[in-house]
Amino acid sequence: MIDRPGELLEELIGNHREALVRFLARKLGSVEDAQDIAQEAFMRLHHLDLANELNNARAFLFQVASNLAIDQLRRRRLHARYLEDEGARLGNTAAQQDPGGPEQLATASEQLRLVYRAIDNLPARCREALMLHRVRGLSYGEIAREMGVSVSSVEKYILDALRHCRDQLPG
């Protein structure tokens, strides 16, 4: 029986952390995301009332982590769908306009100015992630390593940046 507070968590971390991260990395395809999810699962177990009374704390931990990983994968799919929809929307808007006329060139120039202003007004982390992705062509994993954050944080930064820029553009 575990007597002192935190002893169950210490035991689980010591005995199962590496296996949990490997399990999650296979599910998520990213060691960094797996480490973040494992940390979150340990924290949830730590904050659970009566955690010491669980019949199989290891199984519970892995189930919590698995559920968190599924949520992460859902967020990724939503993020990818959002990016596709935004790309299609922006592509259709550009395809509908004849860029050759002076009026269209003036409109495009004004939109470009608004985009630059919107990017300048982004929070620093969002702007950095967006520029690393769009200008340098880095993957989310590469951006996460360069910025020292998780891939899910990069996803959030880029989504926030795209929403902000979209909201700043008319129509």
Protein backbone atom coordinates (compact mmCIF):
# COMPACT_ATOMS: atom_id res chain seq x y z
CA MET A 1 0.00 0.00 0.00
CA ILE A 2 1.25 3.46 -0.84
CA ASP A 3 1.26 5.74 2.18
CA ARG A 4 2.71 9.13 1.42
CA PRO A 5 1.24 11.61 -1.09
CA GLY A 6 2.94 11.52 -4.45
CA GLU A 7 4.46 8.08 -3.88
CA LEU A 8 2.15 6.44 -6.45
CA LEU A 9 3.07 9.06 -9.02
CA GLU A 10 6.79 8.67 -8.30
CA GLU A 11 6.47 4.90 -8.68
CA LEU A 12 4.56 5.19 -11.98
CA ILE A 13 6.99 7.72 -13.41
CA GLY A 14 10.00 5.67 -12.36
CA ASN A 15 8.66 2.36 -13.61
CA HIS A 16 6.52 3.27 -16.63
CA ARG A 17 7.49 6.66 -18.08
CA GLU A 18 9.75 5.30 -20.83
CA ALA A 19 7.23 2.63 -21.88
CA LEU A 20 4.43 5.21 -21.89
CA VAL A 21 6.42 7.63 -24.06
CA ARG A 22 7.28 4.82 -26.53
CA PHE A 23 3.61 3.76 -26.64
CA LEU A 24 2.50 7.33 -27.31
CA ALA A 25 5.27 8.03 -29.83
CA ARG A 26 4.04 5.09 -31.93
CA LYS A 27 0.50 6.48 -31.82
CA LEU A 28 1.46 10.10 -32.48
CA GLY A 29 4.54 9.77 -34.66
CA SER A 30 6.39 12.31 -32.52
CA VAL A 31 8.52 11.80 -29.43
CA GLU A 32 8.05 15.46 -28.43
CA ASP A 33 4.26 15.16 -28.54
CA ALA A 34 4.48 11.82 -26.72
CA GLN A 35 6.47 13.43 -23.92
CA ASP A 36 3.92 16.25 -23.63
CA ILE A 37 1.00 13.83 -23.54
CA ALA A 38 2.76 11.58 -21.00
CA GLN A 39 3.36 14.60 -18.76
CA GLU A 40 -0.31 15.57 -19.03
CA ALA A 41 -1.41 12.00 -18.20
CA PHE A 42 0.83 11.95 -15.11
CA MET A 43 -0.57 15.32 -14.02
CA ARG A 44 -4.14 14.10 -14.42
CA LEU A 45 -3.38 11.04 -12.33
CA HIS A 46 -1.69 13.24 -9.72
CA HIS A 47 -4.79 15.45 -9.44
CA LEU A 48 -7.15 12.48 -9.29
CA ASP A 49 -8.87 12.04 -5.95
CA LEU A 50 -8.41 8.55 -4.54
CA ALA A 51 -5.69 7.65 -7.08
CA ASN A 52 -4.18 5.36 -4.45
CA GLU A 53 -7.34 3.23 -4.54
CA LEU A 54 -7.07 2.35 -8.25
CA ASN A 55 -6.94 -1.39 -8.88
CA ASN A 56 -4.45 -1.00 -11.72
CA ALA A 57 -2.89 2.46 -11.78
CA ARG A 58 -0.63 1.56 -14.72
CA ALA A 59 -3.58 0.53 -16.91
CA PHE A 60 -5.46 3.66 -15.87
CA LEU A 61 -2.43 5.82 -16.73
CA PHE A 62 -2.07 4.25 -20.18
CA GLN A 63 -5.80 4.65 -20.87
CA VAL A 64 -5.72 8.33 -19.89
CA ALA A 65 -2.65 8.86 -22.08
CA SER A 66 -4.27 6.99 -24.97
CA ASN A 67 -7.37 9.19 -24.73
CA LEU A 68 -5.21 12.32 -24.69
CA ALA A 69 -3.33 11.06 -27.76
CA ILE A 70 -6.60 10.45 -29.60
CA ASP A 71 -7.66 14.00 -28.78
CA GLN A 72 -4.33 15.27 -30.12
CA LEU A 73 -4.76 13.30 -33.36
CA ARG A 74 -8.28 14.72 -33.77
CA ARG A 75 -6.94 18.25 -33.30
CA ARG A 76 -4.29 17.55 -35.95
CA ARG A 77 -6.95 16.38 -38.43
CA LEU A 78 -9.08 19.45 -37.73
CA HIS A 79 -6.03 21.64 -38.15
CA ALA A 80 -5.13 20.03 -41.48
CA ARG A 81 -8.72 20.35 -42.70
CA TYR A 82 -8.79 24.01 -41.66
CA LEU A 83 -5.55 24.69 -43.55
CA GLU A 84 -6.90 22.93 -46.65
CA ASP A 85 -10.16 24.88 -46.50
CA GLU A 86 -8.32 28.17 -46.04
CA GLY A 87 -5.96 27.35 -48.91
CA ALA A 88 -8.88 26.45 -51.16
CA ARG A 89 -10.77 29.59 -50.16
CA LEU A 90 -7.78 31.81 -50.82
CA GLY A 91 -7.02 29.95 -54.06
CA ASN A 92 -10.58 30.34 -55.32
CA THR A 93 -10.59 34.04 -54.49
CA ALA A 94 -7.35 34.56 -56.41
CA ALA A 95 -8.55 32.45 -59.35
CA GLN A 96 -11.74 34.53 -59.68
CA GLN A 97 -9.83 37.77 -60.11
CA ASP A 98 -8.03 38.91 -63.25
CA PRO A 99 -4.71 40.16 -61.87
CA GLY A 100 -3.85 42.04 -65.05
CA GLY A 101 -6.05 45.14 -64.71
CA PRO A 102 -5.02 48.27 -62.81
CA GLU A 103 -7.99 48.00 -60.45
CA GLN A 104 -7.18 44.39 -59.56
CA LEU A 105 -3.51 45.25 -59.07
CA ALA A 106 -4.45 48.06 -56.71
CA THR A 107 -6.77 45.72 -54.78
CA ALA A 108 -4.07 43.04 -54.58
CA SER A 109 -1.55 45.63 -53.43
CA GLU A 110 -3.92 46.83 -50.71
CA GLN A 111 -4.56 43.24 -49.57
CA LEU A 112 -0.84 42.59 -49.42
CA ARG A 113 -0.37 45.70 -47.30
CA LEU A 114 -3.13 44.47 -44.95
CA VAL A 115 -1.50 41.04 -44.72
CA TYR A 116 1.87 42.59 -43.84
CA ARG A 117 0.21 44.77 -41.21
CA ALA A 118 -1.67 41.78 -39.78
CA ILE A 119 1.58 39.77 -39.58
CA ASP A 120 3.33 42.68 -37.89
CA ASN A 121 0.54 42.79 -35.27
CA LEU A 122 0.80 39.08 -34.41
CA PRO A 123 2.16 37.98 -31.05
CA ALA A 124 5.87 37.20 -31.42
CA ARG A 125 5.57 33.40 -31.08
CA CYS A 126 2.72 33.20 -33.64
CA ARG A 127 4.65 35.38 -36.09
CA GLU A 128 7.82 33.33 -35.63
CA ALA A 129 6.01 30.02 -36.20
CA LEU A 130 4.17 31.35 -39.26
CA MET A 131 7.34 32.73 -40.82
CA LEU A 132 9.33 29.57 -40.16
CA HIS A 133 6.59 27.54 -41.82
CA ARG A 134 5.63 29.79 -44.73
CA VAL A 135 8.93 31.52 -45.51
CA ARG A 136 11.54 28.92 -44.56
CA GLY A 137 9.30 25.94 -45.35
CA LEU A 138 10.01 24.13 -42.07
CA SER A 139 7.78 21.29 -40.89
CA TYR A 140 5.91 21.62 -37.61
CA GLY A 141 8.39 19.25 -35.95
CA GLU A 142 11.34 21.32 -37.14
CA ILE A 143 9.65 24.52 -35.97
CA ALA A 144 8.93 22.94 -32.57
CA ARG A 145 12.60 22.01 -32.14
CA GLU A 146 13.81 25.45 -33.24
CA MET A 147 11.36 27.29 -30.97
CA GLY A 148 11.78 24.86 -28.07
CA VAL A 149 8.05 24.05 -27.86
CA SER A 150 5.79 21.10 -28.62
CA VAL A 151 4.34 20.40 -32.06
CA SER A 152 0.86 21.07 -30.67
CA SER A 153 2.03 24.54 -29.61
CA VAL A 154 3.29 25.18 -33.15
CA GLU A 155 -0.10 24.07 -34.52
CA LYS A 156 -1.84 26.48 -32.17
CA TYR A 157 0.50 29.36 -33.06
CA ILE A 158 -0.03 28.87 -36.79
CA LEU A 159 -3.80 28.49 -36.46
CA ASP A 160 -3.98 31.65 -34.37
CA ALA A 161 -1.80 33.49 -36.91
CA LEU A 162 -3.94 32.38 -39.85
CA ARG A 163 -7.17 33.31 -38.07
CA HIS A 164 -5.75 36.71 -37.16
CA CYS A 165 -4.64 37.38 -40.73
CA ARG A 166 -7.95 36.20 -42.17
CA ASP A 167 -9.87 38.43 -39.77
CA GLN A 168 -7.82 41.44 -40.87
CA LEU A 169 -8.67 40.99 -44.54
CA PRO A 170 -11.94 42.32 -45.97
CA GLY A 171 -14.48 39.91 -47.45
